[in-house]
PDB file of N, CA and C in Angstrom:
ATOM      1  N   UNK A   1       0.842  -1.166   0.000  1.00  0.00           N
ATOM      2  CA  UNK A   1       0.000   0.000   0.000  1.00  0.00           C
ATOM      3  C   UNK A   1       0.887   1.229   0.000  1.00  0.00           C
ATOM      4  N   UNK A   2       0.590   2.144  -0.883  1.00  0.00           N
ATOM      5  CA  UNK A   2       1.387   3.348  -1.024  1.00  0.00           C
ATOM      6  C   UNK A   2       0.775   4.483  -0.203  1.00  0.00           C
ATOM      7  N   UNK A   3       1.577   5.109   0.640  1.00  0.00           N
ATOM      8  CA  UNK A   3       1.138   6.253   1.426  1.00  0.00           C
ATOM      9  C   UNK A   3       1.939   7.466   0.983  1.00  0.00           C
ATOM     10  N   UNK A   4       1.282   8.515   0.506  1.00  0.00           N
ATOM     11  CA  UNK A   4       2.021   9.700   0.053  1.00  0.00           C
ATOM     12  C   UNK A   4       2.655  10.426   1.226  1.00  0.00           C
ATOM     13  N   UNK A   5       3.773  11.019   0.996  1.00  0.00           N
ATOM     14  CA  UNK A   5       4.489  11.765   2.025  1.00  0.00           C
ATOM     15  C   UNK A   5       4.103  13.237   1.931  1.00  0.00           C
ATOM     16  N   UNK A   6       2.914  13.589   2.404  1.00  0.00           N
ATOM     17  CA  UNK A   6       2.435  14.958   2.327  1.00  0.00           C
ATOM     18  C   UNK A   6       2.469  15.610   3.698  1.00  0.00           C
ATOM     19  N   UNK A   7       1.607  16.570   3.861  1.00  0.00           N
ATOM     20  CA  UNK A   7       1.524  17.299   5.124  1.00  0.00           C
ATOM     21  C   UNK A   7       0.613  16.619   6.136  1.00  0.00           C
ATOM     22  N   UNK A   8       0.108  15.447   5.829  1.00  0.00           N
ATOM     23  CA  UNK A   8      -0.811  14.760   6.737  1.00  0.00           C
ATOM     24  C   UNK A   8      -0.070  14.258   7.971  1.00  0.00           C
ATOM     25  N   UNK A   9      -0.619  14.588   9.121  1.00  0.00           N
ATOM     26  CA  UNK A   9      -0.029  14.131  10.385  1.00  0.00           C
ATOM     27  C   UNK A   9      -0.513  12.720  10.675  1.00  0.00           C
ATOM     28  N   UNK A  10       0.320  11.923  11.308  1.00  0.00           N
ATOM     29  CA  UNK A  10      -0.125  10.574  11.658  1.00  0.00           C
ATOM     30  C   UNK A  10      -1.274  10.631  12.669  1.00  0.00           C
ATOM     31  N   UNK A  11      -2.193   9.726  12.506  1.00  0.00           N
ATOM     32  CA  UNK A  11      -3.361   9.681  13.388  1.00  0.00           C
ATOM     33  C   UNK A  11      -3.078   8.695  14.517  1.00  0.00           C
ATOM     34  N   UNK A  12      -3.237   9.172  15.752  1.00  0.00           N
ATOM     35  CA  UNK A  12      -3.013   8.316  16.914  1.00  0.00           C
ATOM     36  C   UNK A  12      -4.209   7.386  17.100  1.00  0.00           C
ATOM     37  N   UNK A  13      -3.958   6.155  17.533  1.00  0.00           N
ATOM     38  CA  UNK A  13      -5.086   5.246  17.773  1.00  0.00           C
ATOM     39  C   UNK A  13      -5.924   5.761  18.943  1.00  0.00           C
ATOM     40  N   UNK A  14      -7.215   5.469  18.931  1.00  0.00           N
ATOM     41  CA  UNK A  14      -8.059   5.947  20.024  1.00  0.00           C
ATOM     42  C   UNK A  14      -7.650   5.308  21.354  1.00  0.00           C
ATOM     43  N   UNK A  15      -7.689   6.096  22.409  1.00  0.00           N
ATOM     44  CA  UNK A  15      -7.330   5.589  23.741  1.00  0.00           C
ATOM     45  C   UNK A  15      -8.550   4.964  24.383  1.00  0.00           C
ATOM     46  N   UNK A  16      -8.344   3.868  25.070  1.00  0.00           N
ATOM     47  CA  UNK A  16      -9.461   3.246  25.773  1.00  0.00           C
ATOM     48  C   UNK A  16      -9.547   3.837  27.173  1.00  0.00           C
ATOM     49  N   UNK A  17     -10.748   4.026  27.610  1.00  0.00           N
ATOM     50  CA  UNK A  17     -10.970   4.569  28.941  1.00  0.00           C
ATOM     51  C   UNK A  17     -11.530   3.473  29.834  1.00  0.00           C
ATOM     52  N   UNK A  18     -11.631   3.759  31.101  1.00  0.00           N
ATOM     53  CA  UNK A  18     -12.184   2.785  32.045  1.00  0.00           C
ATOM     54  C   UNK A  18     -13.636   2.498  31.692  1.00  0.00           C
ATOM     55  N   UNK A  19     -14.346   3.484  31.165  1.00  0.00           N
ATOM     56  CA  UNK A  19     -15.739   3.264  30.755  1.00  0.00           C
ATOM     57  C   UNK A  19     -15.816   2.239  29.630  1.00  0.00           C
ATOM     58  N   UNK A  20     -14.893   2.298  28.683  1.00  0.00           N
ATOM     59  CA  UNK A  20     -14.881   1.325  27.593  1.00  0.00           C
ATOM     60  C   UNK A  20     -14.638  -0.082  28.104  1.00  0.00           C
ATOM     61  N   UNK A  21     -13.799  -0.204  29.112  1.00  0.00           N
ATOM     62  CA  UNK A  21     -13.504  -1.520  29.677  1.00  0.00           C
ATOM     63  C   UNK A  21     -14.696  -2.053  30.448  1.00  0.00           C
ATOM     64  N   UNK A  22     -15.294  -1.211  31.296  1.00  0.00           N
ATOM     65  CA  UNK A  22     -16.437  -1.651  32.107  1.00  0.00           C
ATOM     66  C   UNK A  22     -17.645  -1.951  31.227  1.00  0.00           C
ATOM     67  N   UNK A  23     -17.814  -1.210  30.154  1.00  0.00           N
ATOM     68  CA  UNK A  23     -18.957  -1.407  29.262  1.00  0.00           C
ATOM     69  C   UNK A  23     -18.704  -2.490  28.218  1.00  0.00           C
ATOM     70  N   UNK A  24     -17.601  -3.205  28.310  1.00  0.00           N
ATOM     71  CA  UNK A  24     -17.286  -4.220  27.311  1.00  0.00           C
ATOM     72  C   UNK A  24     -18.178  -5.446  27.466  1.00  0.00           C
ATOM     73  N   UNK A  25     -18.236  -6.213  26.407  1.00  0.00           N
ATOM     74  CA  UNK A  25     -19.069  -7.415  26.391  1.00  0.00           C
ATOM     75  C   UNK A  25     -18.573  -8.462  27.383  1.00  0.00           C
ATOM     76  N   UNK A  26     -17.271  -8.583  27.548  1.00  0.00           N
ATOM     77  CA  UNK A  26     -16.717  -9.576  28.476  1.00  0.00           C
ATOM     78  C   UNK A  26     -17.061  -9.289  29.922  1.00  0.00           C
ATOM     79  N   UNK A  27     -16.971  -8.025  30.323  1.00  0.00           N
ATOM     80  CA  UNK A  27     -17.306  -7.647  31.695  1.00  0.00           C
ATOM     81  C   UNK A  27     -18.796  -7.857  31.942  1.00  0.00           C
ATOM     82  N   UNK A  28     -19.609  -7.494  30.976  1.00  0.00           N
ATOM     83  CA  UNK A  28     -21.050  -7.660  31.116  1.00  0.00           C
ATOM     84  C   UNK A  28     -21.429  -9.135  31.226  1.00  0.00           C
ATOM     85  N   UNK A  29     -20.798  -9.980  30.444  1.00  0.00           N
ATOM     86  CA  UNK A  29     -21.073 -11.417  30.505  1.00  0.00           C
ATOM     87  C   UNK A  29     -20.621 -12.012  31.834  1.00  0.00           C
ATOM     88  N   UNK A  30     -19.452 -11.621  32.300  1.00  0.00           N
ATOM     89  CA  UNK A  30     -18.959 -12.117  33.593  1.00  0.00           C
ATOM     90  C   UNK A  30     -19.869 -11.673  34.729  1.00  0.00           C
ATOM     91  N   UNK A  31     -20.347 -10.425  34.686  1.00  0.00           N
ATOM     92  CA  UNK A  31     -21.257  -9.935  35.722  1.00  0.00           C
ATOM     93  C   UNK A  31     -22.577 -10.687  35.678  1.00  0.00           C
ATOM     94  N   UNK A  32     -23.055 -11.017  34.492  1.00  0.00           N
ATOM     95  CA  UNK A  32     -24.298 -11.777  34.362  1.00  0.00           C
ATOM     96  C   UNK A  32     -24.172 -13.147  35.006  1.00  0.00           C
ATOM     97  N   UNK A  33     -23.096 -13.838  34.719  1.00  0.00           N
ATOM     98  CA  UNK A  33     -22.882 -15.179  35.275  1.00  0.00           C
ATOM     99  C   UNK A  33     -22.720 -15.117  36.787  1.00  0.00           C
ATOM    100  N   UNK A  34     -21.892 -14.191  37.260  1.00  0.00           N
ATOM    101  CA  UNK A  34     -21.638 -14.085  38.700  1.00  0.00           C
ATOM    102  C   UNK A  34     -22.901 -13.708  39.472  1.00  0.00           C
ATOM    103  N   UNK A  35     -23.677 -12.777  38.942  1.00  0.00           N
ATOM    104  CA  UNK A  35     -24.863 -12.340  39.663  1.00  0.00           C
ATOM    105  C   UNK A  35     -25.998 -13.344  39.568  1.00  0.00           C
ATOM    106  N   UNK A  36     -26.048 -14.142  38.523  1.00  0.00           N
ATOM    107  CA  UNK A  36     -27.028 -15.232  38.480  1.00  0.00           C
ATOM    108  C   UNK A  36     -26.712 -16.241  39.573  1.00  0.00           C
ATOM    109  N   UNK A  37     -25.459 -16.581  39.726  1.00  0.00           N
ATOM    110  CA  UNK A  37     -25.027 -17.469  40.811  1.00  0.00           C
ATOM    111  C   UNK A  37     -25.361 -16.859  42.172  1.00  0.00           C
ATOM    112  N   UNK A  38     -25.023 -15.593  42.364  1.00  0.00           N
ATOM    113  CA  UNK A  38     -25.286 -14.912  43.631  1.00  0.00           C
ATOM    114  C   UNK A  38     -26.783 -14.903  43.944  1.00  0.00           C
ATOM    115  N   UNK A  39     -27.608 -14.579  42.941  1.00  0.00           N
ATOM    116  CA  UNK A  39     -29.051 -14.536  43.157  1.00  0.00           C
ATOM    117  C   UNK A  39     -29.622 -15.884  43.545  1.00  0.00           C
ATOM    118  N   UNK A  40     -29.120 -16.951  42.933  1.00  0.00           N
ATOM    119  CA  UNK A  40     -29.621 -18.280  43.285  1.00  0.00           C
ATOM    120  C   UNK A  40     -29.165 -18.704  44.681  1.00  0.00           C
ATOM    121  N   UNK A  41     -27.894 -18.489  44.983  1.00  0.00           N
ATOM    122  CA  UNK A  41     -27.378 -18.869  46.306  1.00  0.00           C
ATOM    123  C   UNK A  41     -28.028 -18.035  47.413  1.00  0.00           C
ATOM    124  N   UNK A  42     -28.330 -16.774  47.118  1.00  0.00           N
ATOM    125  CA  UNK A  42     -28.898 -15.884  48.132  1.00  0.00           C
ATOM    126  C   UNK A  42     -30.354 -16.218  48.429  1.00  0.00           C
ATOM    127  N   UNK A  43     -31.146 -16.528  47.388  1.00  0.00           N
ATOM    128  CA  UNK A  43     -32.577 -16.719  47.582  1.00  0.00           C
ATOM    129  C   UNK A  43     -33.039 -18.161  47.410  1.00  0.00           C
ATOM    130  N   UNK A  44     -32.312 -18.958  46.652  1.00  0.00           N
ATOM    131  CA  UNK A  44     -32.740 -20.319  46.362  1.00  0.00           C
ATOM    132  C   UNK A  44     -33.827 -20.375  45.294  1.00  0.00           C
ATOM    133  N   UNK A  45     -34.103 -19.253  44.635  1.00  0.00           N
ATOM    134  CA  UNK A  45     -35.159 -19.164  43.643  1.00  0.00           C
ATOM    135  C   UNK A  45     -34.554 -18.922  42.262  1.00  0.00           C
ATOM    136  N   UNK A  46     -35.031 -19.671  41.277  1.00  0.00           N
ATOM    137  CA  UNK A  46     -34.554 -19.496  39.913  1.00  0.00           C
ATOM    138  C   UNK A  46     -35.013 -18.154  39.344  1.00  0.00           C
ATOM    139  N   UNK A  47     -36.207 -17.721  39.717  1.00  0.00           N
ATOM    140  CA  UNK A  47     -36.716 -16.435  39.224  1.00  0.00           C
ATOM    141  C   UNK A  47     -35.821 -15.294  39.701  1.00  0.00           C
ATOM    142  N   UNK A  48     -35.490 -15.295  40.989  1.00  0.00           N
ATOM    143  CA  UNK A  48     -34.620 -14.236  41.510  1.00  0.00           C
ATOM    144  C   UNK A  48     -33.213 -14.352  40.956  1.00  0.00           C
ATOM    145  N   UNK A  49     -32.763 -15.551  40.675  1.00  0.00           N
ATOM    146  CA  UNK A  49     -31.451 -15.721  40.054  1.00  0.00           C
ATOM    147  C   UNK A  49     -31.428 -15.046  38.683  1.00  0.00           C
ATOM    148  N   UNK A  50     -32.489 -15.199  37.917  1.00  0.00           N
ATOM    149  CA  UNK A  50     -32.556 -14.567  36.600  1.00  0.00           C
ATOM    150  C   UNK A  50     -32.679 -13.051  36.709  1.00  0.00           C
ATOM    151  N   UNK A  51     -33.395 -12.570  37.716  1.00  0.00           N
ATOM    152  CA  UNK A  51     -33.500 -11.117  37.920  1.00  0.00           C
ATOM    153  C   UNK A  51     -32.134 -10.534  38.274  1.00  0.00           C
ATOM    154  N   UNK A  52     -31.413 -11.199  39.175  1.00  0.00           N
ATOM    155  CA  UNK A  52     -30.058 -10.741  39.511  1.00  0.00           C
ATOM    156  C   UNK A  52     -29.164 -10.792  38.276  1.00  0.00           C
ATOM    157  N   UNK A  53     -29.291 -11.831  37.464  1.00  0.00           N
ATOM    158  CA  UNK A  53     -28.484 -11.959  36.252  1.00  0.00           C
ATOM    159  C   UNK A  53     -28.764 -10.841  35.254  1.00  0.00           C
ATOM    160  N   UNK A  54     -30.043 -10.479  35.097  1.00  0.00           N
ATOM    161  CA  UNK A  54     -30.376  -9.367  34.199  1.00  0.00           C
ATOM    162  C   UNK A  54     -29.829  -8.049  34.737  1.00  0.00           C
ATOM    163  N   UNK A  55     -29.851  -7.875  36.047  1.00  0.00           N
ATOM    164  CA  UNK A  55     -29.269  -6.654  36.634  1.00  0.00           C
ATOM    165  C   UNK A  55     -27.768  -6.606  36.355  1.00  0.00           C
ATOM    166  N   UNK A  56     -27.105  -7.753  36.444  1.00  0.00           N
ATOM    167  CA  UNK A  56     -25.683  -7.802  36.126  1.00  0.00           C
ATOM    168  C   UNK A  56     -25.395  -7.518  34.664  1.00  0.00           C
ATOM    169  N   UNK A  57     -26.312  -7.875  33.791  1.00  0.00           N
ATOM    170  CA  UNK A  57     -26.139  -7.643  32.354  1.00  0.00           C
ATOM    171  C   UNK A  57     -26.336  -6.172  32.002  1.00  0.00           C
ATOM    172  N   UNK A  58     -27.392  -5.564  32.574  1.00  0.00           N
ATOM    173  CA  UNK A  58     -27.746  -4.199  32.192  1.00  0.00           C
ATOM    174  C   UNK A  58     -27.087  -3.134  33.043  1.00  0.00           C
ATOM    175  N   UNK A  59     -26.786  -3.447  34.305  1.00  0.00           N
ATOM    176  CA  UNK A  59     -26.217  -2.454  35.225  1.00  0.00           C
ATOM    177  C   UNK A  59     -25.033  -3.027  36.011  1.00  0.00           C
ATOM    178  N   UNK A  60     -23.977  -3.499  35.351  1.00  0.00           N
ATOM    179  CA  UNK A  60     -22.884  -4.142  36.101  1.00  0.00           C
ATOM    180  C   UNK A  60     -22.163  -3.202  37.056  1.00  0.00           C
ATOM    181  N   UNK A  61     -22.121  -1.916  36.747  1.00  0.00           N
ATOM    182  CA  UNK A  61     -21.409  -0.964  37.596  1.00  0.00           C
ATOM    183  C   UNK A  61     -22.101  -0.815  38.942  1.00  0.00           C
ATOM    184  N   UNK A  62     -23.410  -0.971  38.983  1.00  0.00           N
ATOM    185  CA  UNK A  62     -24.176  -0.838  40.226  1.00  0.00           C
ATOM    186  C   UNK A  62     -24.394  -2.202  40.873  1.00  0.00           C
ATOM    187  N   UNK A  63     -24.759  -3.210  40.077  1.00  0.00           N
ATOM    188  CA  UNK A  63     -25.171  -4.498  40.615  1.00  0.00           C
ATOM    189  C   UNK A  63     -24.039  -5.278  41.273  1.00  0.00           C
ATOM    190  N   UNK A  64     -22.854  -5.216  40.718  1.00  0.00           N
ATOM    191  CA  UNK A  64     -21.735  -5.972  41.304  1.00  0.00           C
ATOM    192  C   UNK A  64     -21.367  -5.451  42.696  1.00  0.00           C
ATOM    193  N   UNK A  65     -21.206  -4.132  42.904  1.00  0.00           N
ATOM    194  CA  UNK A  65     -20.937  -3.667  44.269  1.00  0.00           C
ATOM    195  C   UNK A  65     -22.072  -3.973  45.257  1.00  0.00           C
ATOM    196  N   UNK A  66     -23.320  -3.930  44.790  1.00  0.00           N
ATOM    197  CA  UNK A  66     -24.445  -4.263  45.677  1.00  0.00           C
ATOM    198  C   UNK A  66     -24.359  -5.723  46.102  1.00  0.00           C
ATOM    199  N   UNK A  67     -24.043  -6.609  45.164  1.00  0.00           N
ATOM    200  CA  UNK A  67     -23.936  -8.030  45.520  1.00  0.00           C
ATOM    201  C   UNK A  67     -22.780  -8.276  46.491  1.00  0.00           C
ATOM    202  N   UNK A  68     -21.707  -7.531  46.336  1.00  0.00           N
ATOM    203  CA  UNK A  68     -20.590  -7.675  47.275  1.00  0.00           C
ATOM    204  C   UNK A  68     -20.973  -7.149  48.661  1.00  0.00           C
ATOM    205  N   UNK A  69     -21.754  -6.063  48.705  1.00  0.00           N
ATOM    206  CA  UNK A  69     -22.205  -5.519  49.986  1.00  0.00           C
ATOM    207  C   UNK A  69     -23.183  -6.471  50.669  1.00  0.00           C
ATOM    208  N   UNK A  70     -23.940  -7.220  49.900  1.00  0.00           N
ATOM    209  CA  UNK A  70     -24.879  -8.183  50.470  1.00  0.00           C
ATOM    210  C   UNK A  70     -24.166  -9.420  50.990  1.00  0.00           C
ATOM    211  N   UNK A  71     -22.922  -9.614  50.621  1.00  0.00           N
ATOM    212  CA  UNK A  71     -22.188 -10.817  50.959  1.00  0.00           C
ATOM    213  C   UNK A  71     -22.357 -11.796  49.827  1.00  0.00           C
ATOM    214  N   UNK A  72     -21.432 -11.809  48.894  1.00  0.00           N
ATOM    215  CA  UNK A  72     -21.582 -12.557  47.651  1.00  0.00           C
ATOM    216  C   UNK A  72     -21.893 -14.032  47.918  1.00  0.00           C
ATOM    217  N   UNK A  73     -23.063 -14.467  47.488  1.00  0.00           N
ATOM    218  CA  UNK A  73     -23.465 -15.852  47.617  1.00  0.00           C
ATOM    219  C   UNK A  73     -23.937 -16.263  48.995  1.00  0.00           C
ATOM    220  N   UNK A  74     -24.024 -15.345  49.934  1.00  0.00           N
ATOM    221  CA  UNK A  74     -24.511 -15.687  51.273  1.00  0.00           C
ATOM    222  C   UNK A  74     -26.021 -15.721  51.283  1.00  0.00           C
ATOM    223  N   UNK A  75     -26.560 -16.624  52.063  1.00  0.00           N
ATOM    224  CA  UNK A  75     -27.997 -16.786  52.166  1.00  0.00           C
ATOM    225  C   UNK A  75     -28.620 -15.558  52.826  1.00  0.00           C
ATOM    226  N   UNK A  76     -29.760 -15.117  52.315  1.00  0.00           N
ATOM    227  CA  UNK A  76     -30.466 -13.963  52.858  1.00  0.00           C
ATOM    228  C   UNK A  76     -31.080 -14.352  54.203  1.00  0.00           C
ATOM    229  N   UNK A  77     -30.802 -13.581  55.269  1.00  0.00           N
ATOM    230  CA  UNK A  77     -31.368 -13.928  56.576  1.00  0.00           C
ATOM    231  C   UNK A  77     -32.875 -13.692  56.608  1.00  0.00           C
ATOM    232  N   UNK A  78     -33.600 -14.568  57.260  1.00  0.00           N
ATOM    233  CA  UNK A  78     -35.041 -14.408  57.410  1.00  0.00           C
ATOM    234  C   UNK A  78     -35.325 -13.409  58.535  1.00  0.00           C
ATOM    235  N   UNK A  79     -36.359 -12.586  58.362  1.00  0.00           N
ATOM    236  CA  UNK A  79     -36.678 -11.600  59.407  1.00  0.00           C
ATOM    237  C   UNK A  79     -37.281 -12.226  60.638  1.00  0.00           C
TER     238      UNK A  79
END
């Protein structure tokens, strides 16, 4: 490929930010799997496991810290 030697400046590749990493497909998939496990272990219900998994898919930045604050995979205490 021939590139002319003109006044064109080289273009720097785009920089990735932390938002690009957190919003990536791999992080979202990992959060979905982890939060589905957490939801099932916490409640024992498949429905709640799927709800936790969807929260991990759509809101990983919020859902993952909440699951850690709840005690990841710990059973929910009865009132």
